[in-house]
Amino acid sequence: MTEEEFFTKGESGGTRCSSVYQLALDIINSRFPKDDYNIYAFHFSDGDNLTSDNEKCIRLIDELLLKCSLVGYGEIEGPYYYTSTLNSYYKRITHSRFISVTIRDKTGVYPALKTFFKKPDQEGG
């Protein structure tokens, strides 16, 4: 897939977001020992995910939190401003090293990144 296709291709359905978390865990486990690396994992998505996959995503995020300094989820809001199934599930995660943000448009990307990388005692961004 080209860069242009990546950013312009429409919806095709059938997304299983757990595959990205499993791949991240596989890479971390095989190449980046927790004691040797300061690991940050980020996932950006439109939030569409197969409902049957959501619980698996939660379990894999819990595993990532054992190995990562921070796990971040950035959801790019669609044109209809609905709460995605994925974002609804992620609201249940209360771990201090899990941060979820909503990005409404291009101007929201930088503030989202600031939220991910702010110091723990910093308010706002």
C-alpha atoms as a PDB file:
ATOM      1  CA  MET A   1       0.000   0.000   0.000  1.00  0.00           C
ATOM      2  CA  THR A   2       1.339   3.443  -0.873  1.00  0.00           C
ATOM      3  CA  GLU A   3       1.342   6.406   1.514  1.00  0.00           C
ATOM      4  CA  GLU A   4      -1.408   8.043  -0.546  1.00  0.00           C
ATOM      5  CA  GLU A   5      -3.564   4.903  -0.382  1.00  0.00           C
ATOM      6  CA  PHE A   6      -3.005   4.682   3.374  1.00  0.00           C
ATOM      7  CA  PHE A   7      -4.338   8.190   3.952  1.00  0.00           C
ATOM      8  CA  THR A   8      -7.146   8.155   1.382  1.00  0.00           C
ATOM      9  CA  LYS A   9      -8.507   4.610   1.293  1.00  0.00           C
ATOM     10  CA  GLY A  10     -12.070   4.330   2.574  1.00  0.00           C
ATOM     11  CA  GLU A  11     -13.521   1.970   5.130  1.00  0.00           C
ATOM     12  CA  SER A  12     -13.393  -1.709   4.388  1.00  0.00           C
ATOM     13  CA  GLY A  13     -14.565  -3.206   7.714  1.00  0.00           C
ATOM     14  CA  GLY A  14     -13.374  -6.247   9.608  1.00  0.00           C
ATOM     15  CA  THR A  15     -10.768  -4.470  11.730  1.00  0.00           C
ATOM     16  CA  ARG A  16      -9.209  -6.450  14.575  1.00  0.00           C
ATOM     17  CA  CYS A  17      -7.152  -3.951  16.549  1.00  0.00           C
ATOM     18  CA  SER A  18      -5.856  -6.670  18.851  1.00  0.00           C
ATOM     19  CA  SER A  19      -3.454  -7.690  16.083  1.00  0.00           C
ATOM     20  CA  VAL A  20      -1.495  -4.443  16.500  1.00  0.00           C
ATOM     21  CA  TYR A  21      -1.142  -4.998  20.253  1.00  0.00           C
ATOM     22  CA  GLN A  22      -0.072  -8.606  19.750  1.00  0.00           C
ATOM     23  CA  LEU A  23       2.526  -7.530  17.183  1.00  0.00           C
ATOM     24  CA  ALA A  24       3.849  -4.873  19.575  1.00  0.00           C
ATOM     25  CA  LEU A  25       4.176  -7.479  22.339  1.00  0.00           C
ATOM     26  CA  ASP A  26       5.906  -9.909  19.982  1.00  0.00           C
ATOM     27  CA  ILE A  27       8.424  -7.239  18.939  1.00  0.00           C
ATOM     28  CA  ILE A  28       9.035  -6.105  22.522  1.00  0.00           C
ATOM     29  CA  ASN A  29       9.452  -9.682  23.774  1.00  0.00           C
ATOM     30  CA  SER A  30      11.860 -10.659  21.015  1.00  0.00           C
ATOM     31  CA  ARG A  31      13.991  -7.518  20.718  1.00  0.00           C
ATOM     32  CA  PHE A  32      13.506  -5.013  23.529  1.00  0.00           C
ATOM     33  CA  PRO A  33      13.874  -6.295  27.115  1.00  0.00           C
ATOM     34  CA  LYS A  34      11.990  -4.060  29.545  1.00  0.00           C
ATOM     35  CA  ASP A  35      15.041  -3.628  31.772  1.00  0.00           C
ATOM     36  CA  ASP A  36      17.127  -2.320  28.858  1.00  0.00           C
ATOM     37  CA  TYR A  37      14.612  -0.011  27.154  1.00  0.00           C
ATOM     38  CA  ASN A  38      12.162   2.752  27.996  1.00  0.00           C
ATOM     39  CA  ILE A  39       9.244   1.608  25.824  1.00  0.00           C
ATOM     40  CA  TYR A  40       6.319   3.741  24.670  1.00  0.00           C
ATOM     41  CA  ALA A  41       3.537   2.147  22.603  1.00  0.00           C
ATOM     42  CA  PHE A  42       1.010   4.223  20.660  1.00  0.00           C
ATOM     43  CA  HIS A  43      -2.005   3.248  18.588  1.00  0.00           C
ATOM     44  CA  PHE A  44      -3.962   5.696  16.446  1.00  0.00           C
ATOM     45  CA  SER A  45      -7.281   4.586  14.989  1.00  0.00           C
ATOM     46  CA  ASP A  46     -10.718   5.663  13.839  1.00  0.00           C
ATOM     47  CA  GLY A  47     -12.001   3.441  16.646  1.00  0.00           C
ATOM     48  CA  ASP A  48     -13.874   0.997  14.461  1.00  0.00           C
ATOM     49  CA  ASN A  49     -13.195  -2.509  15.690  1.00  0.00           C
ATOM     50  CA  LEU A  50     -15.032  -5.794  15.691  1.00  0.00           C
ATOM     51  CA  THR A  51     -16.963  -5.889  18.963  1.00  0.00           C
ATOM     52  CA  SER A  52     -15.845  -9.476  19.504  1.00  0.00           C
ATOM     53  CA  ASP A  53     -12.213  -8.234  19.544  1.00  0.00           C
ATOM     54  CA  ASN A  54     -12.566  -5.507  22.189  1.00  0.00           C
ATOM     55  CA  GLU A  55     -11.997  -7.684  25.272  1.00  0.00           C
ATOM     56  CA  LYS A  56      -8.862  -9.139  23.687  1.00  0.00           C
ATOM     57  CA  CYS A  57      -7.601  -5.577  23.114  1.00  0.00           C
ATOM     58  CA  ILE A  58      -8.063  -4.803  26.814  1.00  0.00           C
ATOM     59  CA  ARG A  59      -6.137  -7.948  27.839  1.00  0.00           C
ATOM     60  CA  LEU A  60      -3.268  -7.154  25.474  1.00  0.00           C
ATOM     61  CA  ILE A  61      -3.090  -3.528  26.636  1.00  0.00           C
ATOM     62  CA  ASP A  62      -2.834  -4.847  30.207  1.00  0.00           C
ATOM     63  CA  GLU A  63       0.131  -6.977  29.075  1.00  0.00           C
ATOM     64  CA  LEU A  64       1.725  -3.997  27.326  1.00  0.00           C
ATOM     65  CA  LEU A  65       1.383  -1.924  30.494  1.00  0.00           C
ATOM     66  CA  LEU A  66       3.609  -4.468  32.268  1.00  0.00           C
ATOM     67  CA  LYS A  67       6.371  -3.764  29.735  1.00  0.00           C
ATOM     68  CA  CYS A  68       5.868  -0.125  28.705  1.00  0.00           C
ATOM     69  CA  SER A  69       6.448   3.220  30.358  1.00  0.00           C
ATOM     70  CA  LEU A  70       3.306   4.449  28.608  1.00  0.00           C
ATOM     71  CA  VAL A  71       0.606   3.077  26.329  1.00  0.00           C
ATOM     72  CA  GLY A  72      -1.273   5.709  24.359  1.00  0.00           C
ATOM     73  CA  TYR A  73      -4.403   5.506  22.252  1.00  0.00           C
ATOM     74  CA  GLY A  74      -5.358   8.334  19.915  1.00  0.00           C
ATOM     75  CA  GLU A  75      -8.746   8.146  18.281  1.00  0.00           C
ATOM     76  CA  ILE A  76      -9.386  10.185  15.175  1.00  0.00           C
ATOM     77  CA  GLU A  77     -13.001  11.213  15.408  1.00  0.00           C
ATOM     78  CA  GLY A  78     -15.170  10.482  12.403  1.00  0.00           C
ATOM     79  CA  PRO A  79     -17.514  12.947  10.741  1.00  0.00           C
ATOM     80  CA  TYR A  80     -20.549  11.767  12.725  1.00  0.00           C
ATOM     81  CA  TYR A  81     -19.080  12.356  16.219  1.00  0.00           C
ATOM     82  CA  TYR A  82     -20.164   9.087  17.730  1.00  0.00           C
ATOM     83  CA  THR A  83     -18.373   7.228  20.489  1.00  0.00           C
ATOM     84  CA  SER A  84     -16.670   4.250  18.913  1.00  0.00           C
ATOM     85  CA  THR A  85     -16.920   0.784  20.356  1.00  0.00           C
ATOM     86  CA  LEU A  86     -13.183   0.783  21.012  1.00  0.00           C
ATOM     87  CA  ASN A  87     -13.163   4.103  22.862  1.00  0.00           C
ATOM     88  CA  SER A  88     -16.131   2.947  24.959  1.00  0.00           C
ATOM     89  CA  TYR A  89     -14.159  -0.114  26.075  1.00  0.00           C
ATOM     90  CA  TYR A  90     -10.964   1.825  26.709  1.00  0.00           C
ATOM     91  CA  LYS A  91     -12.759   4.117  29.168  1.00  0.00           C
ATOM     92  CA  ARG A  92     -12.661   1.125  31.532  1.00  0.00           C
ATOM     93  CA  ILE A  93      -8.853   1.179  31.664  1.00  0.00           C
ATOM     94  CA  THR A  94      -7.820   3.130  34.762  1.00  0.00           C
ATOM     95  CA  HIS A  95      -4.080   2.436  34.745  1.00  0.00           C
ATOM     96  CA  SER A  96      -2.055   5.634  35.243  1.00  0.00           C
ATOM     97  CA  ARG A  97       0.249   4.778  32.328  1.00  0.00           C
ATOM     98  CA  PHE A  98      -2.599   4.440  29.824  1.00  0.00           C
ATOM     99  CA  ILE A  99      -3.641   7.663  28.119  1.00  0.00           C
ATOM    100  CA  SER A 100      -6.478   7.975  25.642  1.00  0.00           C
ATOM    101  CA  VAL A 101      -7.139  11.110  23.594  1.00  0.00           C
ATOM    102  CA  THR A 102      -9.637  12.092  20.917  1.00  0.00           C
ATOM    103  CA  ILE A 103      -8.396  13.934  17.857  1.00  0.00           C
ATOM    104  CA  ARG A 104     -11.130  15.874  16.080  1.00  0.00           C
ATOM    105  CA  ASP A 105      -9.124  17.247  13.148  1.00  0.00           C
ATOM    106  CA  LYS A 106      -5.571  18.015  11.979  1.00  0.00           C
ATOM    107  CA  THR A 107      -5.203  20.800  14.539  1.00  0.00           C
ATOM    108  CA  GLY A 108      -5.688  18.251  17.322  1.00  0.00           C
ATOM    109  CA  VAL A 109      -2.643  16.131  16.492  1.00  0.00           C
ATOM    110  CA  TYR A 110      -0.033  18.292  18.235  1.00  0.00           C
ATOM    111  CA  PRO A 111      -2.107  18.790  21.426  1.00  0.00           C
ATOM    112  CA  ALA A 112      -2.663  15.014  21.511  1.00  0.00           C
ATOM    113  CA  LEU A 113       1.080  14.383  21.332  1.00  0.00           C
ATOM    114  CA  LYS A 114       1.641  16.952  24.093  1.00  0.00           C
ATOM    115  CA  THR A 115      -0.886  15.083  26.237  1.00  0.00           C
ATOM    116  CA  PHE A 116       0.972  11.814  25.709  1.00  0.00           C
ATOM    117  CA  PHE A 117       4.354  13.297  26.601  1.00  0.00           C
ATOM    118  CA  LYS A 118       3.503  15.709  29.411  1.00  0.00           C
ATOM    119  CA  LYS A 119       5.181  15.223  32.757  1.00  0.00           C
ATOM    120  CA  PRO A 120       2.986  13.371  35.275  1.00  0.00           C
ATOM    121  CA  ASP A 121       2.635  16.443  37.518  1.00  0.00           C
ATOM    122  CA  GLN A 122       1.817  18.775  34.610  1.00  0.00           C
ATOM    123  CA  GLU A 123      -1.776  19.893  34.136  1.00  0.00           C
ATOM    124  CA  GLY A 124      -3.278  20.390  30.687  1.00  0.00           C
ATOM    125  CA  GLY A 125      -0.598  20.101  28.065  1.00  0.00           C
END
